[in-house]
Amino acid sequence: GTIWISGTLHNIYSIGMALEEEGFKIINNITWQK
């Protein structure tokens, strides 16, 4: 399976680090342009 997590500059850097710390490998960094 895969996990997708949405965020902004306020939390996304913590999330990216937490993913790697908890055994995940990031596949893509999707930028949602509004």
Full PDB file with SEQRES, HELIX, SHEET, SSBOND, CRYST1, ORIGX, SCALE, CONECT and MASTER records, all heavy atoms in Angstrom:
SEQRES   1 A   34  GLY THR ILE TRP ILE SER GLY THR LEU HIS ASN ILE TYR          
SEQRES   2 A   34  SER ILE GLY MET ALA LEU GLU GLU GLU GLY PHE LYS ILE          
SEQRES   3 A   34  ILE ASN ASN ILE THR TRP GLN LYS                              
HELIX    1 AA1 ILE A   12  GLU A   21  1                                  10    
CRYST1    1.000    1.000    1.000  90.00  90.00  90.00 P 1           1          
ORIGX1      1.000000  0.000000  0.000000        0.00000                         
ORIGX2      0.000000  1.000000  0.000000        0.00000                         
ORIGX3      0.000000  0.000000  1.000000        0.00000                         
SCALE1      1.000000  0.000000  0.000000        0.00000                         
SCALE2      0.000000  1.000000  0.000000        0.00000                         
SCALE3      0.000000  0.000000  1.000000        0.00000                         
ATOM      1  N   GLY A   1       0.811  -1.218   0.000  1.00  0.00           N  
ATOM      2  CA  GLY A   1       0.000   0.000   0.000  1.00  0.00           C  
ATOM      3  C   GLY A   1       0.842   1.264   0.000  1.00  0.00           C  
ATOM      4  O   GLY A   1       2.066   1.228   0.144  1.00  0.00           O  
ATOM      5  N   THR A   2       0.175   2.402  -0.178  1.00  0.00           N  
ATOM      6  CA  THR A   2       0.865   3.693  -0.126  1.00  0.00           C  
ATOM      7  C   THR A   2       0.079   4.681   0.720  1.00  0.00           C  
ATOM      8  O   THR A   2      -1.114   4.515   0.949  1.00  0.00           O  
ATOM      9  CB  THR A   2       1.073   4.295  -1.538  1.00  0.00           C  
ATOM     10  OG1 THR A   2      -0.195   4.418  -2.205  1.00  0.00           O  
ATOM     11  CG2 THR A   2       2.018   3.444  -2.364  1.00  0.00           C  
ATOM     12  N   ILE A   3       0.792   5.711   1.177  1.00  0.00           N  
ATOM     13  CA  ILE A   3       0.186   6.769   1.985  1.00  0.00           C  
ATOM     14  C   ILE A   3       0.424   8.108   1.309  1.00  0.00           C  
ATOM     15  O   ILE A   3       1.501   8.358   0.753  1.00  0.00           O  
ATOM     16  CB  ILE A   3       0.755   6.768   3.423  1.00  0.00           C  
ATOM     17  CG1 ILE A   3       0.036   7.817   4.289  1.00  0.00           C  
ATOM     18  CG2 ILE A   3       2.260   6.977   3.443  1.00  0.00           C  
ATOM     19  CD1 ILE A   3       0.374   7.718   5.779  1.00  0.00           C  
ATOM     20  N   TRP A   4      -0.603   8.942   1.312  1.00  0.00           N  
ATOM     21  CA  TRP A   4      -0.530  10.308   0.786  1.00  0.00           C  
ATOM     22  C   TRP A   4      -0.818  11.259   1.944  1.00  0.00           C  
ATOM     23  O   TRP A   4      -1.789  11.069   2.675  1.00  0.00           O  
ATOM     24  CB  TRP A   4      -1.578  10.526  -0.305  1.00  0.00           C  
ATOM     25  CG  TRP A   4      -1.474   9.640  -1.508  1.00  0.00           C  
ATOM     26  CD1 TRP A   4      -1.812   8.315  -1.582  1.00  0.00           C  
ATOM     27  CD2 TRP A   4      -1.038  10.018  -2.819  1.00  0.00           C  
ATOM     28  NE1 TRP A   4      -1.617   7.845  -2.850  1.00  0.00           N  
ATOM     29  CE2 TRP A   4      -1.141   8.867  -3.634  1.00  0.00           C  
ATOM     30  CE3 TRP A   4      -0.588  11.207  -3.381  1.00  0.00           C  
ATOM     31  CZ2 TRP A   4      -0.798   8.873  -4.987  1.00  0.00           C  
ATOM     32  CZ3 TRP A   4      -0.255  11.221  -4.730  1.00  0.00           C  
ATOM     33  CH2 TRP A   4      -0.359  10.073  -5.517  1.00  0.00           C  
ATOM     34  N   ILE A   5       0.013  12.289   2.100  1.00  0.00           N  
ATOM     35  CA  ILE A   5      -0.182  13.246   3.188  1.00  0.00           C  
ATOM     36  C   ILE A   5      -0.088  14.662   2.630  1.00  0.00           C  
ATOM     37  O   ILE A   5       0.900  15.035   2.003  1.00  0.00           O  
ATOM     38  CB  ILE A   5       0.857  13.065   4.310  1.00  0.00           C  
ATOM     39  CG1 ILE A   5       0.881  11.616   4.791  1.00  0.00           C  
ATOM     40  CG2 ILE A   5       0.540  14.002   5.466  1.00  0.00           C  
ATOM     41  CD1 ILE A   5       1.960  11.330   5.822  1.00  0.00           C  
ATOM     42  N   SER A   6      -1.127  15.445   2.908  1.00  0.00           N  
ATOM     43  CA  SER A   6      -1.194  16.825   2.440  1.00  0.00           C  
ATOM     44  C   SER A   6      -0.754  17.781   3.544  1.00  0.00           C  
ATOM     45  O   SER A   6      -1.014  17.557   4.725  1.00  0.00           O  
ATOM     46  CB  SER A   6      -2.633  17.151   2.016  1.00  0.00           C  
ATOM     47  OG  SER A   6      -2.757  18.509   1.663  1.00  0.00           O  
ATOM     48  N   GLY A   7      -0.070  18.850   3.143  1.00  0.00           N  
ATOM     49  CA  GLY A   7       0.344  19.836   4.136  1.00  0.00           C  
ATOM     50  C   GLY A   7       0.864  21.111   3.498  1.00  0.00           C  
ATOM     51  O   GLY A   7       0.946  21.240   2.271  1.00  0.00           O  
ATOM     52  N   THR A   8       1.219  22.040   4.338  1.00  0.00           N  
ATOM     53  CA  THR A   8       1.803  23.315   3.907  1.00  0.00           C  
ATOM     54  C   THR A   8       3.174  23.456   4.553  1.00  0.00           C  
ATOM     55  O   THR A   8       3.630  22.573   5.283  1.00  0.00           O  
ATOM     56  CB  THR A   8       0.917  24.499   4.329  1.00  0.00           C  
ATOM     57  OG1 THR A   8       0.898  24.566   5.768  1.00  0.00           O  
ATOM     58  CG2 THR A   8      -0.507  24.338   3.811  1.00  0.00           C  
ATOM     59  N   LEU A   9       3.806  24.579   4.316  1.00  0.00           N  
ATOM     60  CA  LEU A   9       5.126  24.816   4.897  1.00  0.00           C  
ATOM     61  C   LEU A   9       5.110  24.728   6.426  1.00  0.00           C  
ATOM     62  O   LEU A   9       6.146  24.527   7.061  1.00  0.00           O  
ATOM     63  CB  LEU A   9       5.661  26.186   4.459  1.00  0.00           C  
ATOM     64  CG  LEU A   9       4.839  27.430   4.824  1.00  0.00           C  
ATOM     65  CD1 LEU A   9       5.238  27.980   6.188  1.00  0.00           C  
ATOM     66  CD2 LEU A   9       5.024  28.515   3.763  1.00  0.00           C  
ATOM     67  N   HIS A  10       3.938  24.842   7.028  1.00  0.00           N  
ATOM     68  CA  HIS A  10       3.836  24.839   8.484  1.00  0.00           C  
ATOM     69  C   HIS A  10       4.042  23.461   9.099  1.00  0.00           C  
ATOM     70  O   HIS A  10       4.379  23.358  10.278  1.00  0.00           O  
ATOM     71  CB  HIS A  10       2.477  25.392   8.912  1.00  0.00           C  
ATOM     72  CG  HIS A  10       2.180  26.731   8.325  1.00  0.00           C  
ATOM     73  ND1 HIS A  10       1.501  26.876   7.123  1.00  0.00           N  
ATOM     74  CD2 HIS A  10       2.491  27.973   8.751  1.00  0.00           C  
ATOM     75  CE1 HIS A  10       1.403  28.167   6.853  1.00  0.00           C  
ATOM     76  NE2 HIS A  10       1.985  28.852   7.806  1.00  0.00           N  
ATOM     77  N   ASN A  11       3.806  22.394   8.297  1.00  0.00           N  
ATOM     78  CA  ASN A  11       3.939  21.059   8.884  1.00  0.00           C  
ATOM     79  C   ASN A  11       4.575  20.021   7.968  1.00  0.00           C  
ATOM     80  O   ASN A  11       4.945  18.949   8.416  1.00  0.00           O  
ATOM     81  CB  ASN A  11       2.566  20.541   9.343  1.00  0.00           C  
ATOM     82  CG  ASN A  11       1.637  20.221   8.186  1.00  0.00           C  
ATOM     83  OD1 ASN A  11       1.807  20.720   7.080  1.00  0.00           O  
ATOM     84  ND2 ASN A  11       0.645  19.385   8.436  1.00  0.00           N  
ATOM     85  N   ILE A  12       4.732  20.329   6.690  1.00  0.00           N  
ATOM     86  CA  ILE A  12       5.124  19.295   5.731  1.00  0.00           C  
ATOM     87  C   ILE A  12       6.561  18.831   5.919  1.00  0.00           C  
ATOM     88  O   ILE A  12       6.904  17.685   5.619  1.00  0.00           O  
ATOM     89  CB  ILE A  12       4.878  19.764   4.279  1.00  0.00           C  
ATOM     90  CG1 ILE A  12       4.760  18.554   3.339  1.00  0.00           C  
ATOM     91  CG2 ILE A  12       5.952  20.735   3.822  1.00  0.00           C  
ATOM     92  CD1 ILE A  12       3.552  17.699   3.580  1.00  0.00           C  
ATOM     93  N   TYR A  13       7.423  19.695   6.444  1.00  0.00           N  
ATOM     94  CA  TYR A  13       8.824  19.287   6.632  1.00  0.00           C  
ATOM     95  C   TYR A  13       8.950  18.321   7.798  1.00  0.00           C  
ATOM     96  O   TYR A  13       9.729  17.366   7.753  1.00  0.00           O  
ATOM     97  CB  TYR A  13       9.706  20.524   6.815  1.00  0.00           C  
ATOM     98  CG  TYR A  13       9.630  21.434   5.613  1.00  0.00           C  
ATOM     99  CD1 TYR A  13       8.929  22.638   5.658  1.00  0.00           C  
ATOM    100  CD2 TYR A  13      10.224  21.065   4.403  1.00  0.00           C  
ATOM    101  CE1 TYR A  13       8.824  23.440   4.535  1.00  0.00           C  
ATOM    102  CE2 TYR A  13      10.124  21.858   3.282  1.00  0.00           C  
ATOM    103  CZ  TYR A  13       9.416  23.055   3.357  1.00  0.00           C  
ATOM    104  OH  TYR A  13       9.317  23.844   2.241  1.00  0.00           O  
ATOM    105  N   SER A  14       8.173  18.543   8.837  1.00  0.00           N  
ATOM    106  CA  SER A  14       8.111  17.584   9.937  1.00  0.00           C  
ATOM    107  C   SER A  14       7.565  16.256   9.441  1.00  0.00           C  
ATOM    108  O   SER A  14       8.072  15.174   9.790  1.00  0.00           O  
ATOM    109  CB  SER A  14       7.225  18.125  11.066  1.00  0.00           C  
ATOM    110  OG  SER A  14       6.892  17.113  11.990  1.00  0.00           O  
ATOM    111  N   ILE A  15       6.528  16.311   8.613  1.00  0.00           N  
ATOM    112  CA  ILE A  15       5.912  15.089   8.097  1.00  0.00           C  
ATOM    113  C   ILE A  15       6.892  14.304   7.233  1.00  0.00           C  
ATOM    114  O   ILE A  15       6.996  13.074   7.337  1.00  0.00           O  
ATOM    115  CB  ILE A  15       4.629  15.431   7.321  1.00  0.00           C  
ATOM    116  CG1 ILE A  15       3.520  15.818   8.313  1.00  0.00           C  
ATOM    117  CG2 ILE A  15       4.180  14.267   6.442  1.00  0.00           C  
ATOM    118  CD1 ILE A  15       2.314  16.433   7.684  1.00  0.00           C  
ATOM    119  N   GLY A  16       7.631  15.005   6.376  1.00  0.00           N  
ATOM    120  CA  GLY A  16       8.608  14.326   5.536  1.00  0.00           C  
ATOM    121  C   GLY A  16       9.658  13.603   6.369  1.00  0.00           C  
ATOM    122  O   GLY A  16      10.015  12.451   6.089  1.00  0.00           O  
ATOM    123  N   MET A  17      10.150  14.251   7.400  1.00  0.00           N  
ATOM    124  CA  MET A  17      11.128  13.625   8.292  1.00  0.00           C  
ATOM    125  C   MET A  17      10.501  12.463   9.051  1.00  0.00           C  
ATOM    126  O   MET A  17      11.106  11.386   9.173  1.00  0.00           O  
ATOM    127  CB  MET A  17      11.655  14.664   9.280  1.00  0.00           C  
ATOM    128  CG  MET A  17      12.672  14.105  10.268  1.00  0.00           C  
ATOM    129  SD  MET A  17      14.212  13.570   9.500  1.00  0.00           S  
ATOM    130  CE  MET A  17      14.978  15.167   9.198  1.00  0.00           C  
ATOM    131  N   ALA A  18       9.274  12.659   9.543  1.00  0.00           N  
ATOM    132  CA  ALA A  18       8.600  11.597  10.300  1.00  0.00           C  
ATOM    133  C   ALA A  18       8.368  10.363   9.439  1.00  0.00           C  
ATOM    134  O   ALA A  18       8.496   9.224   9.908  1.00  0.00           O  
ATOM    135  CB  ALA A  18       7.275  12.120  10.865  1.00  0.00           C  
ATOM    136  N   LEU A  19       8.025  10.552   8.176  1.00  0.00           N  
ATOM    137  CA  LEU A  19       7.832   9.421   7.271  1.00  0.00           C  
ATOM    138  C   LEU A  19       9.094   8.561   7.195  1.00  0.00           C  
ATOM    139  O   LEU A  19       9.035   7.333   7.313  1.00  0.00           O  
ATOM    140  CB  LEU A  19       7.451   9.916   5.873  1.00  0.00           C  
ATOM    141  CG  LEU A  19       5.998  10.312   5.647  1.00  0.00           C  
ATOM    142  CD1 LEU A  19       5.847  11.054   4.325  1.00  0.00           C  
ATOM    143  CD2 LEU A  19       5.077   9.093   5.668  1.00  0.00           C  
ATOM    144  N   GLU A  20      10.227   9.198   6.999  1.00  0.00           N  
ATOM    145  CA  GLU A  20      11.471   8.450   6.885  1.00  0.00           C  
ATOM    146  C   GLU A  20      11.858   7.815   8.222  1.00  0.00           C  
ATOM    147  O   GLU A  20      12.354   6.680   8.263  1.00  0.00           O  
ATOM    148  CB  GLU A  20      12.580   9.362   6.365  1.00  0.00           C  
ATOM    149  CG  GLU A  20      12.333   9.838   4.935  1.00  0.00           C  
ATOM    150  CD  GLU A  20      13.522  10.544   4.323  1.00  0.00           C  
ATOM    151  OE1 GLU A  20      14.397  11.008   5.084  1.00  0.00           O  
ATOM    152  OE2 GLU A  20      13.587  10.623   3.083  1.00  0.00           O  
ATOM    153  N   GLU A  21      11.623   8.522   9.308  1.00  0.00           N  
ATOM    154  CA  GLU A  21      11.948   7.982  10.631  1.00  0.00           C  
ATOM    155  C   GLU A  21      11.103   6.752  10.965  1.00  0.00           C  
ATOM    156  O   GLU A  21      11.557   5.863  11.697  1.00  0.00           O  
ATOM    157  CB  GLU A  21      11.742   9.061  11.696  1.00  0.00           C  
ATOM    158  CG  GLU A  21      12.782  10.161  11.665  1.00  0.00           C  
ATOM    159  CD  GLU A  21      12.471  11.307  12.617  1.00  0.00           C  
ATOM    160  OE1 GLU A  21      11.264  11.548  12.887  1.00  0.00           O  
ATOM    161  OE2 GLU A  21      13.408  11.962  13.085  1.00  0.00           O  
ATOM    162  N   GLU A  22       9.896   6.695  10.430  1.00  0.00           N  
ATOM    163  CA  GLU A  22       8.987   5.592  10.761  1.00  0.00           C  
ATOM    164  C   GLU A  22       8.946   4.502   9.689  1.00  0.00           C  
ATOM    165  O   GLU A  22       8.045   3.684   9.658  1.00  0.00           O  
ATOM    166  CB  GLU A  22       7.575   6.140  11.005  1.00  0.00           C  
ATOM    167  CG  GLU A  22       7.492   7.088  12.197  1.00  0.00           C  
ATOM    168  CD  GLU A  22       7.987   6.474  13.497  1.00  0.00           C  
ATOM    169  OE1 GLU A  22       7.886   5.240  13.649  1.00  0.00           O  
ATOM    170  OE2 GLU A  22       8.480   7.226  14.366  1.00  0.00           O  
ATOM    171  N   GLY A  23       9.948   4.490   8.789  1.00  0.00           N  
ATOM    172  CA  GLY A  23      10.094   3.362   7.881  1.00  0.00           C  
ATOM    173  C   GLY A  23       9.481   3.516   6.508  1.00  0.00           C  
ATOM    174  O   GLY A  23       9.345   2.525   5.779  1.00  0.00           O  
ATOM    175  N   PHE A  24       9.127   4.735   6.124  1.00  0.00           N  
ATOM    176  CA  PHE A  24       8.581   4.974   4.789  1.00  0.00           C  
ATOM    177  C   PHE A  24       9.650   5.520   3.850  1.00  0.00           C  
ATOM    178  O   PHE A  24      10.644   6.102   4.286  1.00  0.00           O  
ATOM    179  CB  PHE A  24       7.428   5.981   4.853  1.00  0.00           C  
ATOM    180  CG  PHE A  24       6.133   5.419   5.368  1.00  0.00           C  
ATOM    181  CD1 PHE A  24       5.753   5.598   6.694  1.00  0.00           C  
ATOM    182  CD2 PHE A  24       5.277   4.723   4.533  1.00  0.00           C  
ATOM    183  CE1 PHE A  24       4.557   5.091   7.179  1.00  0.00           C  
ATOM    184  CE2 PHE A  24       4.082   4.208   4.992  1.00  0.00           C  
ATOM    185  CZ  PHE A  24       3.719   4.392   6.320  1.00  0.00           C  
ATOM    186  N   LYS A  25       9.409   5.347   2.567  1.00  0.00           N  
ATOM    187  CA  LYS A  25      10.259   5.934   1.524  1.00  0.00           C  
ATOM    188  C   LYS A  25       9.379   6.820   0.656  1.00  0.00           C  
ATOM    189  O   LYS A  25       8.347   6.360   0.136  1.00  0.00           O  
ATOM    190  CB  LYS A  25      10.898   4.837   0.674  1.00  0.00           C  
ATOM    191  CG  LYS A  25      11.855   5.358  -0.397  1.00  0.00           C  
ATOM    192  CD  LYS A  25      12.473   4.211  -1.165  1.00  0.00           C  
ATOM    193  CE  LYS A  25      13.431   4.704  -2.255  1.00  0.00           C  
ATOM    194  NZ  LYS A  25      14.585   5.425  -1.682  1.00  0.00           N  
ATOM    195  N   ILE A  26       9.736   8.077   0.499  1.00  0.00           N  
ATOM    196  CA  ILE A  26       8.926   9.016  -0.280  1.00  0.00           C  
ATOM    197  C   ILE A  26       9.083   8.732  -1.769  1.00  0.00           C  
ATOM    198  O   ILE A  26      10.199   8.647  -2.290  1.00  0.00           O  
ATOM    199  CB  ILE A  26       9.299  10.470   0.058  1.00  0.00           C  
ATOM    200  CG1 ILE A  26       8.984  10.772   1.534  1.00  0.00           C  
ATOM    201  CG2 ILE A  26       8.560  11.450  -0.860  1.00  0.00           C  
ATOM    202  CD1 ILE A  26       9.465  12.117   2.019  1.00  0.00           C  
ATOM    203  N   ILE A  27       7.948   8.585  -2.450  1.00  0.00           N  
ATOM    204  CA  ILE A  27       7.934   8.291  -3.888  1.00  0.00           C  
ATOM    205  C   ILE A  27       7.921   9.586  -4.693  1.00  0.00           C  
ATOM    206  O   ILE A  27       8.690   9.759  -5.646  1.00  0.00           O  
ATOM    207  CB  ILE A  27       6.685   7.456  -4.262  1.00  0.00           C  
ATOM    208  CG1 ILE A  27       6.627   6.167  -3.445  1.00  0.00           C  
ATOM    209  CG2 ILE A  27       6.674   7.150  -5.754  1.00  0.00           C  
ATOM    210  CD1 ILE A  27       5.280   5.452  -3.532  1.00  0.00           C  
ATOM    211  N   ASN A  28       7.014  10.480  -4.325  1.00  0.00           N  
ATOM    212  CA  ASN A  28       6.855  11.755  -5.035  1.00  0.00           C  
ATOM    213  C   ASN A  28       6.505  12.871  -4.072  1.00  0.00           C  
ATOM    214  O   ASN A  28       5.890  12.647  -3.027  1.00  0.00           O  
ATOM    215  CB  ASN A  28       5.743  11.682  -6.086  1.00  0.00           C  
ATOM    216  CG  ASN A  28       6.202  11.230  -7.451  1.00  0.00           C  
ATOM    217  OD1 ASN A  28       5.714  10.241  -7.984  1.00  0.00           O  
ATOM    218  ND2 ASN A  28       7.150  11.936  -8.051  1.00  0.00           N  
ATOM    219  N   ASN A  29       6.901  14.071  -4.486  1.00  0.00           N  
ATOM    220  CA  ASN A  29       6.520  15.309  -3.814  1.00  0.00           C  
ATOM    221  C   ASN A  29       5.591  16.049  -4.778  1.00  0.00           C  
ATOM    222  O   ASN A  29       6.037  16.702  -5.715  1.00  0.00           O  
ATOM    223  CB  ASN A  29       7.782  16.123  -3.516  1.00  0.00           C  
ATOM    224  CG  ASN A  29       7.495  17.444  -2.824  1.00  0.00           C  
ATOM    225  OD1 ASN A  29       7.779  17.592  -1.653  1.00  0.00           O  
ATOM    226  ND2 ASN A  29       6.964  18.420  -3.547  1.00  0.00           N  
ATOM    227  N   ILE A  30       4.286  15.889  -4.580  1.00  0.00           N  
ATOM    228  CA  ILE A  30       3.313  16.518  -5.468  1.00  0.00           C  
ATOM    229  C   ILE A  30       3.058  17.951  -5.021  1.00  0.00           C  
ATOM    230  O   ILE A  30       2.814  18.212  -3.836  1.00  0.00           O  
ATOM    231  CB  ILE A  30       1.971  15.746  -5.461  1.00  0.00           C  
ATOM    232  CG1 ILE A  30       2.183  14.270  -5.828  1.00  0.00           C  
ATOM    233  CG2 ILE A  30       0.956  16.412  -6.396  1.00  0.00           C  
ATOM    234  CD1 ILE A  30       2.677  14.030  -7.218  1.00  0.00           C  
ATOM    235  N   THR A  31       3.131  18.880  -5.953  1.00  0.00           N  
ATOM    236  CA  THR A  31       2.791  20.273  -5.665  1.00  0.00           C  
ATOM    237  C   THR A  31       1.396  20.554  -6.211  1.00  0.00           C  
ATOM    238  O   THR A  31       1.158  20.442  -7.420  1.00  0.00           O  
ATOM    239  CB  THR A  31       3.789  21.243  -6.311  1.00  0.00           C  
ATOM    240  OG1 THR A  31       5.092  20.995  -5.765  1.00  0.00           O  
ATOM    241  CG2 THR A  31       3.398  22.691  -6.036  1.00  0.00           C  
ATOM    242  N   TRP A  32       0.475  20.876  -5.312  1.00  0.00           N  
ATOM    243  CA  TRP A  32      -0.870  21.276  -5.719  1.00  0.00           C  
ATOM    244  C   TRP A  32      -0.869  22.790  -5.897  1.00  0.00           C  
ATOM    245  O   TRP A  32      -0.764  23.535  -4.939  1.00  0.00           O  
ATOM    246  CB  TRP A  32      -1.905  20.839  -4.681  1.00  0.00           C  
ATOM    247  CG  TRP A  32      -3.271  21.431  -4.921  1.00  0.00           C  
ATOM    248  CD1 TRP A  32      -3.836  21.732  -6.116  1.00  0.00           C  
ATOM    249  CD2 TRP A  32      -4.230  21.815  -3.924  1.00  0.00           C  
ATOM    250  NE1 TRP A  32      -5.088  22.275  -5.940  1.00  0.00           N  
ATOM    251  CE2 TRP A  32      -5.351  22.334  -4.605  1.00  0.00           C  
ATOM    252  CE3 TRP A  32      -4.239  21.753  -2.528  1.00  0.00           C  
ATOM    253  CZ2 TRP A  32      -6.472  22.810  -3.922  1.00  0.00           C  
ATOM    254  CZ3 TRP A  32      -5.351  22.225  -1.854  1.00  0.00           C  
ATOM    255  CH2 TRP A  32      -6.462  22.743  -2.553  1.00  0.00           C  
ATOM    256  N   GLN A  33      -0.984  23.221  -7.138  1.00  0.00           N  
ATOM    257  CA  GLN A  33      -1.009  24.645  -7.469  1.00  0.00           C  
ATOM    258  C   GLN A  33      -2.453  25.111  -7.570  1.00  0.00           C  
ATOM    259  O   GLN A  33      -3.219  24.595  -8.386  1.00  0.00           O  
ATOM    260  CB  GLN A  33      -0.274  24.899  -8.790  1.00  0.00           C  
ATOM    261  CG  GLN A  33      -0.205  26.365  -9.183  1.00  0.00           C  
ATOM    262  CD  GLN A  33       0.493  26.565 -10.515  1.00  0.00           C  
ATOM    263  OE1 GLN A  33       0.466  25.696 -11.380  1.00  0.00           O  
ATOM    264  NE2 GLN A  33       1.129  27.707 -10.673  1.00  0.00           N  
ATOM    265  N   LYS A  34      -2.816  26.093  -6.767  1.00  0.00           N  
ATOM    266  CA  LYS A  34      -4.189  26.588  -6.721  1.00  0.00           C  
ATOM    267  C   LYS A  34      -4.364  27.721  -7.731  1.00  0.00           C  
ATOM    268  O   LYS A  34      -3.592  28.679  -7.757  1.00  0.00           O  
ATOM    269  CB  LYS A  34      -4.520  27.090  -5.313  1.00  0.00           C  
ATOM    270  CG  LYS A  34      -4.255  26.055  -4.231  1.00  0.00           C  
ATOM    271  CD  LYS A  34      -4.363  26.659  -2.841  1.00  0.00           C  
ATOM    272  CE  LYS A  34      -3.949  25.673  -1.775  1.00  0.00           C  
ATOM    273  NZ  LYS A  34      -3.994  26.262  -0.407  1.00  0.00           N  
TER     274      LYS A  34                                                      
MASTER        0    0    0    1    0    0    0    6  273    1    0    3          
END                                                                             
